[in-house]
Amino acid sequence: MKVLYSLLVVTVITLFSCNSQSESTQSNNNNTPSQAGGQEAVADDDSQKDVVKVAAGSKDHTTLVAALKQAELVTSLSNAGPFTVFAPTNAAFDKLPAGTVEGLMKEDKKADLQNILQYHVTVSAMKAESFIDGQTLGMVNGDNITISVKDGKVILNGNAQIIASIPASNGMIHVIDNVLLPPAKK
């Protein structure tokens, strides 16, 4: 019985000790500003960047990054993945009919923008050389894209070509020259 009582006393003292350390740590941290956000808020200049940070560092993907922010998809794509992201360039967005991008960036079109952006992401990390002619990929929005491989060039849905591939910490980014538009819902 004495051993049990002694064990209980040690446990209680340990709990109070840990709790007071935690409280003092919390009070010391109250003076430092906290960052909002998830994984995208982590500052790390040494590790490989995730797909969002790679895109954010590209002058050719400012429209894509702005769209990801507007669609509130930055946190999702900053998580562990793995993701394969087909990333249209600014020039690819410029090929859309006038006013399309601006219209999609409005608050009441957020669901449409999310659908289009999610049509550019699949849950896996696939290198360009792993794609095969006739392959179908399921995309995050629930629709599929079809891969064509001709003369070593990878084409998506018959109109968007992979022009570069960039590895990221949470997947693969394939830069494409056209925006993929999901099929119309029936």
N, C-alpha and C. Protein backbone atom coordinates (compact mmCIF):
# COMPACT_ATOMS: atom_id res chain seq x y z
N MET A 1 0.82 -1.19 0.00
CA MET A 1 0.00 0.00 0.00
C MET A 1 0.87 1.26 0.00
N LYS A 2 1.99 1.22 0.76
CA LYS A 2 2.90 2.36 0.81
C LYS A 2 3.47 2.66 -0.57
N VAL A 3 3.79 1.60 -1.32
CA VAL A 3 4.35 1.76 -2.66
C VAL A 3 3.33 2.43 -3.57
N LEU A 4 2.09 2.00 -3.50
CA LEU A 4 1.03 2.58 -4.32
C LEU A 4 0.83 4.05 -3.96
N TYR A 5 0.83 4.37 -2.66
CA TYR A 5 0.69 5.76 -2.21
C TYR A 5 1.86 6.61 -2.71
N SER A 6 3.06 6.09 -2.61
CA SER A 6 4.25 6.81 -3.08
C SER A 6 4.18 7.05 -4.57
N LEU A 7 3.76 6.06 -5.33
CA LEU A 7 3.62 6.19 -6.78
C LEU A 7 2.59 7.26 -7.13
N LEU A 8 1.49 7.29 -6.39
CA LEU A 8 0.45 8.29 -6.63
C LEU A 8 0.99 9.70 -6.35
N VAL A 9 1.73 9.88 -5.27
CA VAL A 9 2.29 11.19 -4.92
C VAL A 9 3.27 11.65 -6.00
N VAL A 10 4.13 10.74 -6.47
CA VAL A 10 5.10 11.09 -7.51
C VAL A 10 4.37 11.49 -8.79
N THR A 11 3.32 10.77 -9.14
CA THR A 11 2.54 11.07 -10.36
C THR A 11 1.90 12.46 -10.26
N VAL A 12 1.30 12.77 -9.11
CA VAL A 12 0.64 14.07 -8.92
C VAL A 12 1.67 15.19 -8.99
N ILE A 13 2.81 15.01 -8.34
CA ILE A 13 3.87 16.04 -8.37
C ILE A 13 4.34 16.26 -9.81
N THR A 14 4.51 15.17 -10.56
CA THR A 14 4.96 15.26 -11.95
C THR A 14 3.95 16.01 -12.81
N LEU A 15 2.67 15.69 -12.61
CA LEU A 15 1.63 16.37 -13.38
C LEU A 15 1.61 17.87 -13.10
N PHE A 16 1.69 18.24 -11.81
CA PHE A 16 1.69 19.66 -11.48
C PHE A 16 2.95 20.35 -12.01
N SER A 17 4.04 19.67 -11.96
CA SER A 17 5.30 20.22 -12.46
C SER A 17 5.21 20.48 -13.96
N CYS A 18 4.70 19.50 -14.71
CA CYS A 18 4.56 19.66 -16.17
C CYS A 18 3.58 20.77 -16.50
N ASN A 19 2.49 20.85 -15.74
CA ASN A 19 1.48 21.86 -15.99
C ASN A 19 2.04 23.26 -15.77
N SER A 20 2.80 23.45 -14.71
CA SER A 20 3.34 24.80 -14.46
C SER A 20 4.39 25.16 -15.50
N GLN A 21 5.17 24.17 -16.00
CA GLN A 21 6.11 24.46 -17.08
C GLN A 21 5.37 24.87 -18.33
N SER A 22 4.27 24.17 -18.63
CA SER A 22 3.48 24.48 -19.82
C SER A 22 2.90 25.89 -19.72
N GLU A 23 2.39 26.24 -18.50
CA GLU A 23 1.81 27.57 -18.32
C GLU A 23 2.86 28.66 -18.48
N SER A 24 4.06 28.42 -17.95
CA SER A 24 5.09 29.45 -18.09
C SER A 24 5.55 29.57 -19.53
N THR A 25 5.59 28.46 -20.25
CA THR A 25 5.95 28.51 -21.67
C THR A 25 4.89 29.29 -22.44
N GLN A 26 3.60 29.01 -22.11
CA GLN A 26 2.52 29.72 -22.80
C GLN A 26 2.58 31.21 -22.50
N SER A 27 2.83 31.59 -21.24
CA SER A 27 2.86 33.01 -20.92
C SER A 27 4.05 33.68 -21.60
N ASN A 28 5.17 32.96 -21.77
CA ASN A 28 6.30 33.54 -22.47
C ASN A 28 6.01 33.72 -23.95
N ASN A 29 5.19 32.85 -24.51
CA ASN A 29 4.89 32.92 -25.93
C ASN A 29 3.78 33.91 -26.25
N ASN A 30 3.09 34.42 -25.24
CA ASN A 30 2.01 35.36 -25.50
C ASN A 30 2.52 36.67 -26.10
N ASN A 31 3.80 36.96 -25.95
CA ASN A 31 4.36 38.19 -26.48
C ASN A 31 4.77 38.08 -27.94
N THR A 32 4.77 36.87 -28.49
CA THR A 32 5.16 36.70 -29.88
C THR A 32 3.92 36.52 -30.73
N PRO A 33 3.88 37.16 -31.88
CA PRO A 33 2.69 37.04 -32.73
C PRO A 33 2.57 35.62 -33.26
N SER A 34 1.35 35.12 -33.30
CA SER A 34 1.13 33.78 -33.86
C SER A 34 0.77 33.91 -35.32
N GLN A 35 1.16 32.90 -36.08
CA GLN A 35 0.84 32.89 -37.51
C GLN A 35 -0.43 32.12 -37.74
N ALA A 36 -1.26 32.62 -38.60
CA ALA A 36 -2.47 31.91 -38.97
C ALA A 36 -2.14 30.95 -40.10
N GLY A 37 -2.99 29.98 -40.26
CA GLY A 37 -2.81 29.07 -41.38
C GLY A 37 -2.26 27.73 -40.94
N GLY A 38 -2.18 26.86 -41.89
CA GLY A 38 -1.68 25.52 -41.64
C GLY A 38 -0.25 25.39 -42.09
N GLN A 39 0.00 24.32 -42.82
CA GLN A 39 1.35 23.99 -43.26
C GLN A 39 1.96 25.12 -44.09
N GLU A 40 1.14 25.89 -44.80
CA GLU A 40 1.68 26.96 -45.65
C GLU A 40 2.33 28.07 -44.84
N ALA A 41 2.04 28.15 -43.53
CA ALA A 41 2.59 29.20 -42.69
C ALA A 41 3.95 28.83 -42.11
N VAL A 42 4.38 27.60 -42.32
CA VAL A 42 5.66 27.17 -41.76
C VAL A 42 6.80 27.80 -42.54
N ALA A 43 7.68 28.49 -41.83
CA ALA A 43 8.85 29.11 -42.46
C ALA A 43 10.00 28.12 -42.44
N ASP A 44 10.47 27.73 -43.61
CA ASP A 44 11.57 26.76 -43.73
C ASP A 44 12.31 27.05 -45.02
N ASP A 45 13.48 27.65 -44.88
CA ASP A 45 14.26 28.00 -46.06
C ASP A 45 15.25 26.91 -46.46
N ASP A 46 15.31 25.83 -45.68
CA ASP A 46 16.28 24.78 -45.95
C ASP A 46 15.71 23.58 -46.69
N SER A 47 14.49 23.20 -46.40
CA SER A 47 13.89 22.02 -47.01
C SER A 47 13.36 22.33 -48.41
N GLN A 48 13.10 21.25 -49.16
CA GLN A 48 12.49 21.41 -50.47
C GLN A 48 11.10 22.03 -50.29
N LYS A 49 10.70 22.89 -51.18
CA LYS A 49 9.42 23.60 -51.08
C LYS A 49 8.27 22.71 -51.54
N ASP A 50 7.07 22.95 -50.95
CA ASP A 50 5.88 22.23 -51.38
C ASP A 50 5.37 22.82 -52.69
N VAL A 51 4.34 22.21 -53.27
CA VAL A 51 3.88 22.63 -54.59
C VAL A 51 3.42 24.08 -54.62
N VAL A 52 2.80 24.55 -53.55
CA VAL A 52 2.33 25.94 -53.52
C VAL A 52 3.52 26.90 -53.45
N LYS A 53 4.50 26.59 -52.62
CA LYS A 53 5.66 27.48 -52.49
C LYS A 53 6.48 27.50 -53.78
N VAL A 54 6.56 26.37 -54.47
CA VAL A 54 7.25 26.36 -55.76
C VAL A 54 6.52 27.27 -56.74
N ALA A 55 5.20 27.13 -56.83
CA ALA A 55 4.40 27.97 -57.74
C ALA A 55 4.51 29.44 -57.35
N ALA A 56 4.48 29.71 -56.04
CA ALA A 56 4.56 31.11 -55.58
C ALA A 56 5.89 31.74 -55.94
N GLY A 57 6.92 30.93 -56.10
CA GLY A 57 8.24 31.44 -56.45
C GLY A 57 8.45 31.61 -57.94
N SER A 58 7.43 31.29 -58.74
CA SER A 58 7.54 31.37 -60.20
C SER A 58 6.83 32.60 -60.73
N LYS A 59 7.55 33.41 -61.50
CA LYS A 59 6.93 34.59 -62.11
C LYS A 59 5.92 34.20 -63.19
N ASP A 60 5.98 32.95 -63.66
CA ASP A 60 5.06 32.47 -64.70
C ASP A 60 3.77 31.88 -64.14
N HIS A 61 3.62 31.87 -62.81
CA HIS A 61 2.43 31.25 -62.21
C HIS A 61 1.70 32.18 -61.24
N THR A 62 1.80 33.48 -61.44
CA THR A 62 1.14 34.42 -60.53
C THR A 62 -0.38 34.31 -60.60
N THR A 63 -0.92 34.04 -61.78
CA THR A 63 -2.37 33.90 -61.91
C THR A 63 -2.83 32.64 -61.17
N LEU A 64 -2.10 31.55 -61.33
CA LEU A 64 -2.44 30.30 -60.64
C LEU A 64 -2.40 30.50 -59.13
N VAL A 65 -1.38 31.13 -58.62
CA VAL A 65 -1.25 31.35 -57.18
C VAL A 65 -2.39 32.23 -56.67
N ALA A 66 -2.72 33.28 -57.40
CA ALA A 66 -3.84 34.15 -57.00
C ALA A 66 -5.15 33.36 -56.99
N ALA A 67 -5.33 32.49 -57.97
CA ALA A 67 -6.54 31.67 -58.04
C ALA A 67 -6.59 30.67 -56.87
N LEU A 68 -5.46 30.07 -56.53
CA LEU A 68 -5.42 29.14 -55.40
C LEU A 68 -5.80 29.85 -54.10
N LYS A 69 -5.32 31.08 -53.94
CA LYS A 69 -5.67 31.86 -52.75
C LYS A 69 -7.16 32.18 -52.74
N GLN A 70 -7.68 32.64 -53.86
CA GLN A 70 -9.10 33.00 -53.95
C GLN A 70 -9.99 31.78 -53.70
N ALA A 71 -9.57 30.62 -54.19
CA ALA A 71 -10.34 29.39 -54.04
C ALA A 71 -10.13 28.73 -52.67
N GLU A 72 -9.27 29.32 -51.86
CA GLU A 72 -8.96 28.80 -50.52
C GLU A 72 -8.43 27.36 -50.58
N LEU A 73 -7.51 27.12 -51.52
CA LEU A 73 -6.91 25.79 -51.69
C LEU A 73 -5.44 25.74 -51.28
N VAL A 74 -4.89 26.86 -50.81
CA VAL A 74 -3.47 26.90 -50.46
C VAL A 74 -3.16 25.90 -49.35
N THR A 75 -3.96 25.89 -48.30
CA THR A 75 -3.71 24.98 -47.19
C THR A 75 -3.76 23.53 -47.65
N SER A 76 -4.76 23.18 -48.43
CA SER A 76 -4.89 21.79 -48.91
C SER A 76 -3.66 21.36 -49.69
N LEU A 77 -3.18 22.20 -50.59
CA LEU A 77 -2.04 21.84 -51.43
C LEU A 77 -0.70 22.01 -50.72
N SER A 78 -0.71 22.57 -49.52
CA SER A 78 0.51 22.69 -48.74
C SER A 78 0.71 21.49 -47.82
N ASN A 79 -0.31 20.67 -47.70
CA ASN A 79 -0.23 19.49 -46.83
C ASN A 79 0.64 18.41 -47.46
N ALA A 80 0.78 17.30 -46.77
CA ALA A 80 1.75 16.27 -47.12
C ALA A 80 1.58 15.67 -48.52
N GLY A 81 0.36 15.58 -49.01
CA GLY A 81 0.18 14.98 -50.33
C GLY A 81 0.28 13.47 -50.26
N PRO A 82 0.74 12.84 -51.31
CA PRO A 82 1.41 13.42 -52.48
C PRO A 82 0.40 13.93 -53.51
N PHE A 83 0.83 14.94 -54.25
CA PHE A 83 0.02 15.54 -55.30
C PHE A 83 0.78 15.56 -56.62
N THR A 84 0.05 15.41 -57.70
CA THR A 84 0.55 15.77 -59.02
C THR A 84 -0.29 16.96 -59.43
N VAL A 85 0.35 18.08 -59.66
CA VAL A 85 -0.34 19.31 -60.02
C VAL A 85 0.03 19.68 -61.44
N PHE A 86 -0.97 19.86 -62.28
CA PHE A 86 -0.77 20.36 -63.64
C PHE A 86 -0.99 21.86 -63.56
N ALA A 87 0.10 22.61 -63.66
CA ALA A 87 0.11 24.04 -63.35
C ALA A 87 0.13 24.88 -64.63
N PRO A 88 -1.02 25.45 -65.00
CA PRO A 88 -1.03 26.33 -66.18
C PRO A 88 -0.22 27.60 -65.93
N THR A 89 0.47 28.05 -66.95
CA THR A 89 1.23 29.29 -66.87
C THR A 89 0.29 30.48 -66.98
N ASN A 90 0.81 31.66 -66.70
CA ASN A 90 0.03 32.89 -66.91
C ASN A 90 -0.43 32.98 -68.36
N ALA A 91 0.46 32.61 -69.30
CA ALA A 91 0.12 32.64 -70.73
C ALA A 91 -1.03 31.68 -71.04
N ALA A 92 -1.09 30.55 -70.33
CA ALA A 92 -2.19 29.61 -70.53
C ALA A 92 -3.51 30.24 -70.10
N PHE A 93 -3.50 30.92 -68.96
CA PHE A 93 -4.71 31.61 -68.50
C PHE A 93 -5.10 32.72 -69.46
N ASP A 94 -4.11 33.37 -70.07
CA ASP A 94 -4.38 34.45 -71.03
C ASP A 94 -5.09 33.95 -72.28
N LYS A 95 -4.98 32.66 -72.59
CA LYS A 95 -5.64 32.08 -73.77
C LYS A 95 -7.15 31.91 -73.57
N LEU A 96 -7.61 31.97 -72.33
CA LEU A 96 -9.05 31.84 -72.07
C LEU A 96 -9.77 33.07 -72.60
N PRO A 97 -11.05 32.94 -72.90
CA PRO A 97 -11.80 34.11 -73.39
C PRO A 97 -11.69 35.29 -72.41
N ALA A 98 -11.68 36.49 -72.98
CA ALA A 98 -11.55 37.71 -72.18
C ALA A 98 -12.57 37.73 -71.05
N GLY A 99 -12.11 38.08 -69.86
CA GLY A 99 -13.00 38.20 -68.71
C GLY A 99 -13.21 36.91 -67.93
N THR A 100 -12.75 35.78 -68.46
CA THR A 100 -12.98 34.49 -67.78
C THR A 100 -12.30 34.44 -66.43
N VAL A 101 -11.02 34.74 -66.39
CA VAL A 101 -10.27 34.67 -65.13
C VAL A 101 -10.85 35.68 -64.13
N GLU A 102 -11.08 36.89 -64.58
CA GLU A 102 -11.62 37.91 -63.68
C GLU A 102 -12.97 37.48 -63.12
N GLY A 103 -13.80 36.89 -63.96
CA GLY A 103 -15.12 36.41 -63.52
C GLY A 103 -15.01 35.30 -62.48
N LEU A 104 -14.07 34.38 -62.69
CA LEU A 104 -13.88 33.27 -61.76
C LEU A 104 -13.30 33.72 -60.42
N MET A 105 -12.66 34.86 -60.40
CA MET A 105 -12.04 35.36 -59.16
C MET A 105 -13.05 36.07 -58.25
N LYS A 106 -14.31 36.18 -58.69
CA LYS A 106 -15.34 36.80 -57.87
C LYS A 106 -15.83 35.81 -56.82
N GLU A 107 -16.22 36.33 -55.68
CA GLU A 107 -16.62 35.51 -54.54
C GLU A 107 -17.76 34.54 -54.89
N ASP A 108 -18.72 34.98 -55.69
CA ASP A 108 -19.85 34.11 -56.02
C ASP A 108 -19.49 33.00 -57.01
N LYS A 109 -18.28 33.03 -57.55
CA LYS A 109 -17.82 31.99 -58.48
C LYS A 109 -16.76 31.07 -57.85
N LYS A 110 -16.60 31.16 -56.52
CA LYS A 110 -15.56 30.39 -55.83
C LYS A 110 -15.71 28.89 -56.08
N ALA A 111 -16.92 28.36 -56.07
CA ALA A 111 -17.13 26.92 -56.28
C ALA A 111 -16.69 26.51 -57.69
N ASP A 112 -16.97 27.35 -58.69
CA ASP A 112 -16.53 27.07 -60.06
C ASP A 112 -15.01 27.10 -60.16
N LEU A 113 -14.39 28.08 -59.52
CA LEU A 113 -12.94 28.19 -59.52
C LEU A 113 -12.31 26.97 -58.83
N GLN A 114 -12.87 26.57 -57.70
CA GLN A 114 -12.36 25.38 -57.01
C GLN A 114 -12.46 24.15 -57.90
N ASN A 115 -13.58 24.00 -58.58
CA ASN A 115 -13.77 22.85 -59.47
C ASN A 115 -12.70 22.82 -60.57
N ILE A 116 -12.44 23.96 -61.17
CA ILE A 116 -11.44 24.04 -62.25
C ILE A 116 -10.04 23.74 -61.69
N LEU A 117 -9.70 24.34 -60.57
CA LEU A 117 -8.37 24.11 -60.00
C LEU A 117 -8.19 22.67 -59.53
N GLN A 118 -9.23 22.10 -58.95
CA GLN A 118 -9.14 20.71 -58.50
C GLN A 118 -9.06 19.74 -59.69
N TYR A 119 -9.48 20.19 -60.85
CA TYR A 119 -9.36 19.40 -62.08
C TYR A 119 -7.91 19.37 -62.57
N HIS A 120 -7.04 20.12 -61.93
CA HIS A 120 -5.62 20.16 -62.27
C HIS A 120 -4.76 19.37 -61.27
N VAL A 121 -5.40 18.64 -60.34
CA VAL A 121 -4.67 17.95 -59.27
C VAL A 121 -5.15 16.50 -59.17
N THR A 122 -4.18 15.59 -59.04
CA THR A 122 -4.48 14.21 -58.71
C THR A 122 -3.67 13.82 -57.49
N VAL A 123 -4.19 12.88 -56.73
CA VAL A 123 -3.54 12.48 -55.49
C VAL A 123 -2.55 11.36 -55.78
N SER A 124 -1.34 11.75 -56.08
CA SER A 124 -0.20 10.87 -56.34
C SER A 124 0.95 11.79 -56.75
N ALA A 125 2.13 11.23 -56.85
CA ALA A 125 3.27 12.01 -57.33
C ALA A 125 3.81 11.29 -58.56
N MET A 126 3.42 11.76 -59.73
CA MET A 126 3.76 11.07 -60.98
C MET A 126 4.75 11.88 -61.81
N LYS A 127 5.82 11.23 -62.20
CA LYS A 127 6.79 11.87 -63.09
C LYS A 127 6.27 11.79 -64.52
N ALA A 128 6.69 12.70 -65.36
CA ALA A 128 6.21 12.76 -66.75
C ALA A 128 6.49 11.46 -67.49
N GLU A 129 7.64 10.84 -67.21
CA GLU A 129 7.99 9.61 -67.92
C GLU A 129 7.13 8.41 -67.49
N SER A 130 6.34 8.56 -66.43
CA SER A 130 5.48 7.46 -66.00
C SER A 130 4.12 7.47 -66.70
N PHE A 131 3.81 8.54 -67.42
CA PHE A 131 2.53 8.59 -68.14
C PHE A 131 2.61 7.72 -69.39
N ILE A 132 1.49 7.07 -69.70
CA ILE A 132 1.44 6.25 -70.91
C ILE A 132 0.27 6.68 -71.78
N ASP A 133 0.43 6.47 -73.07
CA ASP A 133 -0.60 6.86 -74.03
C ASP A 133 -1.92 6.15 -73.71
N GLY A 134 -3.00 6.92 -73.64
CA GLY A 134 -4.32 6.38 -73.37
C GLY A 134 -4.66 6.28 -71.89
N GLN A 135 -3.75 6.63 -71.04
CA GLN A 135 -3.97 6.56 -69.59
C GLN A 135 -5.04 7.56 -69.17
N THR A 136 -5.84 7.17 -68.19
CA THR A 136 -6.85 8.04 -67.61
C THR A 136 -6.48 8.29 -66.15
N LEU A 137 -6.53 9.55 -65.75
CA LEU A 137 -6.24 9.91 -64.36
C LEU A 137 -7.49 10.49 -63.71
N GLY A 138 -7.79 10.02 -62.50
CA GLY A 138 -8.87 10.60 -61.71
C GLY A 138 -8.36 11.85 -61.01
N MET A 139 -9.07 12.92 -61.15
CA MET A 139 -8.66 14.19 -60.58
C MET A 139 -9.41 14.46 -59.27
N VAL A 140 -8.92 15.40 -58.49
CA VAL A 140 -9.49 15.69 -57.17
C VAL A 140 -10.95 16.12 -57.26
N ASN A 141 -11.36 16.76 -58.34
CA ASN A 141 -12.75 17.21 -58.45
C ASN A 141 -13.71 16.08 -58.82
N GLY A 142 -13.19 14.87 -59.05
CA GLY A 142 -14.04 13.73 -59.38
C GLY A 142 -14.10 13.40 -60.85
N ASP A 143 -13.60 14.26 -61.71
CA ASP A 143 -13.59 14.01 -63.15
C ASP A 143 -12.26 13.36 -63.54
N ASN A 144 -12.14 12.96 -64.79
CA ASN A 144 -10.92 12.32 -65.30
C ASN A 144 -10.30 13.14 -66.41
N ILE A 145 -8.99 12.98 -66.57
CA ILE A 145 -8.30 13.51 -67.74
C ILE A 145 -7.69 12.33 -68.48
N THR A 146 -7.45 12.53 -69.76
CA THR A 146 -6.85 11.49 -70.60
C THR A 146 -5.47 11.95 -71.03
N ILE A 147 -4.51 11.04 -70.93
CA ILE A 147 -3.12 11.31 -71.29
C ILE A 147 -2.84 10.76 -72.69
N SER A 148 -2.16 11.55 -73.49
CA SER A 148 -1.65 11.09 -74.79
C SER A 148 -0.14 11.30 -74.77
N VAL A 149 0.59 10.35 -75.30
CA VAL A 149 2.04 10.50 -75.41
C VAL A 149 2.38 10.30 -76.87
N LYS A 150 2.91 11.35 -77.50
CA LYS A 150 3.27 11.31 -78.91
C LYS A 150 4.64 11.96 -79.09
N ASP A 151 5.54 11.23 -79.70
CA ASP A 151 6.90 11.72 -79.94
C ASP A 151 7.56 12.24 -78.66
N GLY A 152 7.30 11.55 -77.54
CA GLY A 152 7.90 11.93 -76.27
C GLY A 152 7.22 13.09 -75.57
N LYS A 153 6.18 13.65 -76.19
CA LYS A 153 5.45 14.77 -75.59
C LYS A 153 4.20 14.25 -74.88
N VAL A 154 3.97 14.76 -73.68
CA VAL A 154 2.79 14.36 -72.91
C VAL A 154 1.72 15.44 -73.07
N ILE A 155 0.56 15.01 -73.54
CA ILE A 155 -0.57 15.91 -73.80
C ILE A 155 -1.74 15.49 -72.92
N LEU A 156 -2.41 16.46 -72.31
CA LEU A 156 -3.56 16.21 -71.45
C LEU A 156 -4.83 16.63 -72.17
N ASN A 157 -5.80 15.73 -72.24
CA ASN A 157 -7.10 16.00 -72.87
C ASN A 157 -6.96 16.54 -74.29
N GLY A 158 -5.89 16.18 -74.96
CA GLY A 158 -5.71 16.57 -76.36
C GLY A 158 -5.31 18.01 -76.59
N ASN A 159 -5.15 18.83 -75.52
CA ASN A 159 -4.82 20.23 -75.79
C ASN A 159 -3.83 20.90 -74.85
N ALA A 160 -3.43 20.27 -73.77
CA ALA A 160 -2.48 20.90 -72.85
C ALA A 160 -1.23 20.04 -72.78
N GLN A 161 -0.11 20.63 -73.14
CA GLN A 161 1.16 19.89 -73.17
C GLN A 161 1.99 20.20 -71.93
N ILE A 162 2.61 19.17 -71.38
CA ILE A 162 3.56 19.38 -70.29
C ILE A 162 4.83 19.97 -70.89
N ILE A 163 5.20 21.16 -70.41
CA ILE A 163 6.39 21.83 -70.96
C ILE A 163 7.57 21.83 -69.98
N ALA A 164 7.30 21.46 -68.72
CA ALA A 164 8.36 21.34 -67.72
C ALA A 164 7.81 20.55 -66.54
N SER A 165 8.70 19.93 -65.80
CA SER A 165 8.31 19.19 -64.60
C SER A 165 9.24 19.58 -63.46
N ILE A 166 8.65 19.81 -62.29
CA ILE A 166 9.40 20.27 -61.14
C ILE A 166 9.00 19.44 -59.92
N PRO A 167 9.96 18.76 -59.31
CA PRO A 167 9.64 18.02 -58.08
C PRO A 167 9.44 18.98 -56.91
N ALA A 168 8.56 18.61 -56.00
CA ALA A 168 8.31 19.40 -54.79
C ALA A 168 8.31 18.44 -53.61
N SER A 169 8.33 18.98 -52.42
CA SER A 169 8.40 18.13 -51.22
C SER A 169 7.16 17.26 -51.06
N ASN A 170 6.03 17.69 -51.59
CA ASN A 170 4.79 16.93 -51.43
C ASN A 170 4.20 16.47 -52.77
N GLY A 171 5.05 16.35 -53.78
CA GLY A 171 4.55 15.84 -55.05
C GLY A 171 5.32 16.35 -56.24
N MET A 172 4.63 16.42 -57.35
CA MET A 172 5.22 16.79 -58.63
C MET A 172 4.39 17.88 -59.27
N ILE A 173 5.06 18.85 -59.86
CA ILE A 173 4.37 19.91 -60.61
C ILE A 173 4.74 19.73 -62.07
N HIS A 174 3.72 19.69 -62.93
CA HIS A 174 3.94 19.66 -64.36
C HIS A 174 3.39 20.97 -64.92
N VAL A 175 4.27 21.79 -65.45
CA VAL A 175 3.87 23.07 -66.04
C VAL A 175 3.20 22.75 -67.37
N ILE A 176 2.01 23.33 -67.59
CA ILE A 176 1.28 23.07 -68.84
C ILE A 176 0.96 24.38 -69.54
N ASP A 177 0.74 24.25 -70.86
CA ASP A 177 0.56 25.44 -71.70
C ASP A 177 -0.89 25.81 -71.98
N ASN A 178 -1.84 25.09 -71.40
CA ASN A 178 -3.26 25.42 -71.53
C ASN A 178 -3.96 25.09 -70.21
N VAL A 179 -5.07 25.76 -69.96
CA VAL A 179 -5.88 25.48 -68.77
C VAL A 179 -6.78 24.30 -69.10
N LEU A 180 -6.87 23.34 -68.17
CA LEU A 180 -7.78 22.21 -68.34
C LEU A 180 -9.17 22.63 -67.83
N LEU A 181 -10.16 22.44 -68.65
CA LEU A 181 -11.52 22.77 -68.24
C LEU A 181 -12.30 21.46 -68.01
N PRO A 182 -12.90 21.30 -66.84
CA PRO A 182 -13.63 20.06 -66.57
C PRO A 182 -14.83 19.92 -67.48
N PRO A 183 -15.23 18.68 -67.76
CA PRO A 183 -16.41 18.48 -68.59
C PRO A 183 -17.65 19.07 -67.91
N ALA A 184 -18.59 19.51 -68.70
CA ALA A 184 -19.83 20.08 -68.17
C ALA A 184 -20.58 19.00 -67.40
N LYS A 185 -21.16 19.39 -66.27
CA LYS A 185 -21.94 18.47 -65.47
C LYS A 185 -23.28 18.23 -66.14
N LYS A 186 -23.69 16.97 -66.10
CA LYS A 186 -24.97 16.61 -66.76
C LYS A 186 -26.11 16.68 -65.81
